[in-house]
């Protein structure tokens, strides 16, 4: 079972940018896709960005054209570049792996993103 460690969160002003990293303990080649979830206070966990093993991407409407997901296979790392951040982006962000069409539920500690003046 792959271990995923998120980092890069912090406090940023509205309109600012932040880059999150997800480091995997081993090869991510065997997974169909990697993705980023977020969970805000009082809300359910939401899938916001996906990148497949072939490199195609998908985004939730709420983050489309503002967030970019990418991967570095040599480093076994997935990134989430977040631009034009809004207060409603405030949440704990988690990464996950898709295997056999199922998103794995072995959540780590996540990384807190707070967007506030």
N, C-alpha and C. Protein backbone atom coordinates (compact mmCIF):
# COMPACT_ATOMS: atom_id res chain seq x y z
N UNK A 1 0.84 -1.18 0.00
CA UNK A 1 0.00 0.00 0.00
C UNK A 1 0.89 1.25 0.00
N UNK A 2 0.69 2.12 -0.98
CA UNK A 2 1.51 3.31 -1.11
C UNK A 2 1.19 4.29 0.01
N UNK A 3 2.22 4.95 0.52
CA UNK A 3 2.05 6.00 1.51
C UNK A 3 2.19 7.36 0.82
N UNK A 4 1.28 8.27 1.11
CA UNK A 4 1.24 9.58 0.49
C UNK A 4 1.38 10.66 1.56
N UNK A 5 2.28 11.60 1.33
CA UNK A 5 2.54 12.67 2.28
C UNK A 5 2.36 14.01 1.58
N UNK A 6 1.40 14.80 2.07
CA UNK A 6 1.11 16.11 1.50
C UNK A 6 1.92 17.19 2.21
N UNK A 7 2.27 18.24 1.46
CA UNK A 7 2.97 19.37 2.04
C UNK A 7 2.72 20.61 1.18
N UNK A 8 3.11 21.77 1.69
CA UNK A 8 3.05 23.01 0.93
C UNK A 8 1.92 23.94 1.29
N UNK A 9 1.04 23.55 2.20
CA UNK A 9 -0.06 24.41 2.60
C UNK A 9 0.42 25.57 3.44
N UNK A 10 -0.51 26.50 3.70
CA UNK A 10 -0.19 27.65 4.51
C UNK A 10 -1.25 28.71 4.40
N UNK A 11 -0.92 29.90 4.89
CA UNK A 11 -1.81 31.06 4.87
C UNK A 11 -1.45 31.95 3.68
N UNK A 12 -2.45 32.32 2.89
CA UNK A 12 -2.23 33.16 1.72
C UNK A 12 -3.40 34.13 1.57
N UNK A 13 -3.12 35.32 1.03
CA UNK A 13 -4.17 36.31 0.81
C UNK A 13 -4.99 35.98 -0.43
N UNK A 14 -6.24 36.45 -0.48
CA UNK A 14 -7.03 36.26 -1.70
C UNK A 14 -6.29 36.78 -2.93
N UNK A 15 -6.35 36.01 -4.02
CA UNK A 15 -5.64 36.35 -5.23
C UNK A 15 -4.23 35.80 -5.29
N UNK A 16 -3.75 35.25 -4.20
CA UNK A 16 -2.41 34.71 -4.15
C UNK A 16 -2.31 33.31 -4.71
N UNK A 17 -1.10 32.74 -4.63
CA UNK A 17 -0.82 31.42 -5.18
C UNK A 17 -0.14 30.53 -4.16
N UNK A 18 -0.30 29.23 -4.35
CA UNK A 18 0.31 28.24 -3.48
C UNK A 18 0.53 26.97 -4.29
N UNK A 19 1.60 26.24 -3.99
CA UNK A 19 1.92 25.00 -4.68
C UNK A 19 1.98 23.86 -3.66
N UNK A 20 1.11 22.87 -3.82
CA UNK A 20 1.08 21.71 -2.94
C UNK A 20 1.85 20.55 -3.56
N UNK A 21 2.45 19.71 -2.72
CA UNK A 21 3.17 18.53 -3.17
C UNK A 21 2.61 17.29 -2.48
N UNK A 22 2.62 16.18 -3.20
CA UNK A 22 2.21 14.88 -2.67
C UNK A 22 3.31 13.88 -3.01
N UNK A 23 4.07 13.47 -2.01
CA UNK A 23 5.18 12.54 -2.20
C UNK A 23 4.73 11.12 -1.90
N UNK A 24 4.96 10.21 -2.85
CA UNK A 24 4.61 8.81 -2.69
C UNK A 24 5.82 8.00 -2.25
N UNK A 25 5.57 6.95 -1.46
CA UNK A 25 6.65 6.12 -0.94
C UNK A 25 7.26 5.20 -1.99
N UNK A 26 6.54 4.98 -3.09
CA UNK A 26 7.01 4.12 -4.15
C UNK A 26 6.48 4.55 -5.50
N UNK A 27 6.66 3.71 -6.49
CA UNK A 27 6.24 4.02 -7.85
C UNK A 27 4.73 4.24 -7.93
N UNK A 28 4.33 5.25 -8.70
CA UNK A 28 2.91 5.53 -8.91
C UNK A 28 2.45 5.04 -10.28
N UNK A 29 3.33 4.35 -11.01
CA UNK A 29 3.00 3.89 -12.36
C UNK A 29 1.83 2.91 -12.37
N UNK A 30 1.65 2.13 -11.31
CA UNK A 30 0.62 1.10 -11.30
C UNK A 30 -0.79 1.66 -11.09
N UNK A 31 -0.92 2.92 -10.73
CA UNK A 31 -2.22 3.51 -10.47
C UNK A 31 -2.82 4.10 -11.74
N UNK A 32 -4.14 3.99 -11.86
CA UNK A 32 -4.85 4.58 -12.99
C UNK A 32 -4.72 6.09 -13.01
N UNK A 33 -4.75 6.70 -11.82
CA UNK A 33 -4.74 8.15 -11.72
C UNK A 33 -4.34 8.56 -10.32
N UNK A 34 -3.94 9.81 -10.19
CA UNK A 34 -3.72 10.45 -8.90
C UNK A 34 -4.63 11.67 -8.83
N UNK A 35 -5.05 12.01 -7.62
CA UNK A 35 -5.96 13.14 -7.48
C UNK A 35 -5.77 13.89 -6.19
N UNK A 36 -6.35 15.09 -6.16
CA UNK A 36 -6.39 15.93 -4.97
C UNK A 36 -7.82 16.10 -4.51
N UNK A 37 -8.06 15.84 -3.23
CA UNK A 37 -9.32 16.11 -2.56
C UNK A 37 -9.13 17.29 -1.62
N UNK A 38 -10.25 17.91 -1.24
CA UNK A 38 -10.21 18.91 -0.17
C UNK A 38 -11.47 18.77 0.68
N UNK A 39 -11.34 19.16 1.94
CA UNK A 39 -12.48 19.15 2.85
C UNK A 39 -12.47 20.42 3.68
N UNK A 40 -13.50 21.24 3.49
CA UNK A 40 -13.67 22.46 4.25
C UNK A 40 -14.53 22.17 5.48
N UNK A 41 -14.44 23.05 6.48
CA UNK A 41 -15.24 22.89 7.68
C UNK A 41 -16.72 22.85 7.34
N UNK A 42 -17.43 21.86 7.86
CA UNK A 42 -18.85 21.74 7.64
C UNK A 42 -19.24 21.19 6.28
N UNK A 43 -18.28 20.76 5.47
CA UNK A 43 -18.57 20.23 4.15
C UNK A 43 -17.96 18.85 3.97
N UNK A 44 -18.47 18.12 2.99
CA UNK A 44 -17.94 16.80 2.68
C UNK A 44 -16.68 16.91 1.84
N UNK A 45 -15.90 15.84 1.84
CA UNK A 45 -14.68 15.79 1.05
C UNK A 45 -15.03 15.88 -0.44
N UNK A 46 -14.28 16.71 -1.18
CA UNK A 46 -14.57 17.02 -2.57
C UNK A 46 -13.35 16.73 -3.44
N UNK A 47 -13.54 16.00 -4.52
CA UNK A 47 -12.47 15.75 -5.48
C UNK A 47 -12.34 16.96 -6.40
N UNK A 48 -11.16 17.59 -6.44
CA UNK A 48 -11.01 18.84 -7.18
C UNK A 48 -10.12 18.71 -8.40
N UNK A 49 -9.22 17.73 -8.46
CA UNK A 49 -8.31 17.62 -9.59
C UNK A 49 -7.84 16.19 -9.75
N UNK A 50 -7.70 15.74 -11.01
CA UNK A 50 -7.28 14.37 -11.33
C UNK A 50 -6.27 14.41 -12.47
N UNK A 51 -5.24 13.57 -12.38
CA UNK A 51 -4.34 13.35 -13.50
C UNK A 51 -4.19 11.85 -13.69
N UNK A 52 -4.39 11.37 -14.93
CA UNK A 52 -4.31 9.95 -15.24
C UNK A 52 -2.87 9.55 -15.49
N UNK A 53 -2.64 8.24 -15.58
CA UNK A 53 -1.30 7.74 -15.87
C UNK A 53 -0.81 8.21 -17.23
N UNK A 54 -1.74 8.49 -18.14
CA UNK A 54 -1.40 8.99 -19.46
C UNK A 54 -1.20 10.50 -19.53
N UNK A 55 -1.50 11.20 -18.43
CA UNK A 55 -1.26 12.63 -18.38
C UNK A 55 -2.46 13.52 -18.61
N UNK A 56 -3.63 12.95 -18.89
CA UNK A 56 -4.82 13.78 -19.06
C UNK A 56 -5.31 14.27 -17.70
N UNK A 57 -5.98 15.41 -17.68
CA UNK A 57 -6.41 16.03 -16.43
C UNK A 57 -7.89 16.37 -16.44
N UNK A 58 -8.47 16.44 -15.24
CA UNK A 58 -9.85 16.87 -15.05
C UNK A 58 -9.93 17.67 -13.77
N UNK A 59 -10.85 18.66 -13.76
CA UNK A 59 -10.99 19.55 -12.62
C UNK A 59 -12.45 19.78 -12.28
N UNK A 60 -12.70 19.99 -10.99
CA UNK A 60 -14.01 20.45 -10.58
C UNK A 60 -14.26 21.84 -11.13
N UNK A 61 -15.52 22.16 -11.41
CA UNK A 61 -15.84 23.47 -11.97
C UNK A 61 -15.36 24.61 -11.07
N UNK A 62 -15.37 24.39 -9.77
CA UNK A 62 -15.01 25.44 -8.83
C UNK A 62 -13.55 25.86 -8.91
N UNK A 63 -12.68 25.01 -9.46
CA UNK A 63 -11.25 25.31 -9.52
C UNK A 63 -10.72 25.36 -10.95
N UNK A 64 -11.55 25.07 -11.93
CA UNK A 64 -11.12 25.04 -13.32
C UNK A 64 -10.53 26.39 -13.74
N UNK A 65 -9.42 26.35 -14.43
CA UNK A 65 -8.69 27.51 -14.94
C UNK A 65 -7.93 28.27 -13.86
N UNK A 66 -8.00 27.78 -12.62
CA UNK A 66 -7.23 28.38 -11.54
C UNK A 66 -6.19 27.41 -10.97
N UNK A 67 -6.54 26.12 -10.92
CA UNK A 67 -5.65 25.08 -10.39
C UNK A 67 -5.09 24.25 -11.53
N UNK A 68 -3.86 23.75 -11.35
CA UNK A 68 -3.23 22.87 -12.32
C UNK A 68 -2.58 21.70 -11.60
N UNK A 69 -2.97 20.48 -11.97
CA UNK A 69 -2.37 19.28 -11.40
C UNK A 69 -1.29 18.76 -12.35
N UNK A 70 -0.18 18.29 -11.80
CA UNK A 70 0.90 17.75 -12.60
C UNK A 70 1.61 16.66 -11.81
N UNK A 71 2.50 15.93 -12.48
CA UNK A 71 3.24 14.88 -11.80
C UNK A 71 4.67 14.82 -12.30
N UNK A 72 5.56 14.33 -11.46
CA UNK A 72 6.94 14.07 -11.80
C UNK A 72 7.20 12.61 -11.47
N UNK A 73 7.16 11.74 -12.47
CA UNK A 73 7.28 10.31 -12.24
C UNK A 73 8.64 9.93 -11.65
N UNK A 74 9.69 10.64 -12.03
CA UNK A 74 11.02 10.35 -11.51
C UNK A 74 11.09 10.58 -10.01
N UNK A 75 10.31 11.54 -9.51
CA UNK A 75 10.29 11.85 -8.08
C UNK A 75 9.12 11.20 -7.35
N UNK A 76 8.25 10.48 -8.08
CA UNK A 76 7.05 9.89 -7.50
C UNK A 76 6.24 10.94 -6.73
N UNK A 77 6.07 12.09 -7.36
CA UNK A 77 5.43 13.23 -6.71
C UNK A 77 4.36 13.84 -7.61
N UNK A 78 3.25 14.22 -7.00
CA UNK A 78 2.16 14.91 -7.68
C UNK A 78 2.04 16.31 -7.09
N UNK A 79 1.76 17.29 -7.94
CA UNK A 79 1.68 18.68 -7.52
C UNK A 79 0.31 19.26 -7.80
N UNK A 80 -0.04 20.29 -7.05
CA UNK A 80 -1.23 21.08 -7.33
C UNK A 80 -0.85 22.55 -7.24
N UNK A 81 -0.77 23.21 -8.39
CA UNK A 81 -0.51 24.64 -8.44
C UNK A 81 -1.84 25.37 -8.34
N UNK A 82 -1.98 26.23 -7.33
CA UNK A 82 -3.22 26.93 -7.07
C UNK A 82 -2.99 28.43 -7.25
N UNK A 83 -3.69 29.02 -8.21
CA UNK A 83 -3.59 30.45 -8.49
C UNK A 83 -4.93 31.13 -8.25
N UNK A 84 -4.90 32.45 -8.13
CA UNK A 84 -6.12 33.24 -7.93
C UNK A 84 -6.97 32.67 -6.81
N UNK A 85 -6.34 32.41 -5.69
CA UNK A 85 -7.02 31.75 -4.58
C UNK A 85 -8.12 32.62 -3.99
N UNK A 86 -9.19 31.96 -3.57
CA UNK A 86 -10.36 32.60 -2.98
C UNK A 86 -10.57 32.08 -1.56
N UNK A 87 -11.25 32.86 -0.71
CA UNK A 87 -11.54 32.37 0.65
C UNK A 87 -12.24 31.02 0.66
N UNK A 88 -13.10 30.75 -0.31
CA UNK A 88 -13.80 29.48 -0.36
C UNK A 88 -12.91 28.30 -0.70
N UNK A 89 -11.65 28.54 -1.06
CA UNK A 89 -10.68 27.47 -1.26
C UNK A 89 -10.09 26.97 0.06
N UNK A 90 -10.39 27.66 1.15
CA UNK A 90 -9.88 27.26 2.46
C UNK A 90 -10.36 25.85 2.80
N UNK A 91 -9.42 24.95 3.08
CA UNK A 91 -9.75 23.55 3.35
C UNK A 91 -8.47 22.80 3.70
N UNK A 92 -8.64 21.57 4.17
CA UNK A 92 -7.53 20.64 4.26
C UNK A 92 -7.47 19.87 2.94
N UNK A 93 -6.30 19.84 2.32
CA UNK A 93 -6.12 19.20 1.03
C UNK A 93 -5.41 17.86 1.20
N UNK A 94 -5.95 16.83 0.54
CA UNK A 94 -5.42 15.48 0.59
C UNK A 94 -5.16 14.97 -0.82
N UNK A 95 -4.15 14.12 -0.98
CA UNK A 95 -3.96 13.44 -2.25
C UNK A 95 -4.39 11.98 -2.11
N UNK A 96 -4.70 11.35 -3.24
CA UNK A 96 -5.17 9.98 -3.24
C UNK A 96 -4.78 9.31 -4.54
N UNK A 97 -4.79 7.98 -4.53
CA UNK A 97 -4.47 7.17 -5.70
C UNK A 97 -5.68 6.37 -6.13
N UNK A 98 -5.86 6.25 -7.44
CA UNK A 98 -6.94 5.46 -8.01
C UNK A 98 -6.38 4.14 -8.52
N UNK A 99 -6.94 3.04 -8.02
CA UNK A 99 -6.52 1.71 -8.43
C UNK A 99 -7.74 0.89 -8.79
N UNK A 100 -7.77 0.37 -10.02
CA UNK A 100 -8.91 -0.41 -10.45
C UNK A 100 -10.21 0.35 -10.47
N UNK A 101 -10.15 1.67 -10.69
CA UNK A 101 -11.33 2.49 -10.74
C UNK A 101 -11.85 2.94 -9.38
N UNK A 102 -11.15 2.62 -8.32
CA UNK A 102 -11.55 2.98 -6.97
C UNK A 102 -10.52 3.91 -6.33
N UNK A 103 -11.01 4.99 -5.72
CA UNK A 103 -10.13 5.87 -4.98
C UNK A 103 -9.82 5.26 -3.63
N UNK A 104 -8.53 5.18 -3.30
CA UNK A 104 -8.11 4.57 -2.05
C UNK A 104 -8.43 5.50 -0.89
N UNK A 105 -8.78 4.88 0.25
CA UNK A 105 -9.22 5.64 1.41
C UNK A 105 -8.21 5.75 2.53
N UNK A 106 -6.94 5.50 2.23
CA UNK A 106 -5.89 5.57 3.26
C UNK A 106 -5.39 7.01 3.39
N UNK A 107 -6.25 7.86 3.97
CA UNK A 107 -5.95 9.28 4.08
C UNK A 107 -4.80 9.55 5.03
N UNK A 108 -3.93 10.49 4.63
CA UNK A 108 -2.87 10.96 5.50
C UNK A 108 -3.35 12.14 6.31
N UNK A 109 -2.40 12.95 6.78
CA UNK A 109 -2.77 14.10 7.60
C UNK A 109 -3.26 15.28 6.77
N UNK A 110 -2.96 15.29 5.48
CA UNK A 110 -3.34 16.40 4.63
C UNK A 110 -2.50 17.64 4.92
N UNK A 111 -2.80 18.71 4.18
CA UNK A 111 -2.12 19.97 4.41
C UNK A 111 -3.15 21.10 4.39
N UNK A 112 -3.09 21.97 5.38
CA UNK A 112 -4.08 23.03 5.56
C UNK A 112 -3.78 24.21 4.65
N UNK A 113 -4.79 24.65 3.91
CA UNK A 113 -4.72 25.85 3.09
C UNK A 113 -5.74 26.85 3.63
N UNK A 114 -5.28 28.04 3.99
CA UNK A 114 -6.16 29.08 4.49
C UNK A 114 -5.99 30.33 3.64
N UNK A 115 -7.09 30.81 3.06
CA UNK A 115 -7.09 31.99 2.21
C UNK A 115 -7.85 33.09 2.94
N UNK A 116 -7.14 34.11 3.39
CA UNK A 116 -7.75 35.15 4.21
C UNK A 116 -6.90 36.42 4.16
N UNK A 117 -7.58 37.56 4.27
CA UNK A 117 -6.88 38.84 4.31
C UNK A 117 -6.26 39.08 5.68
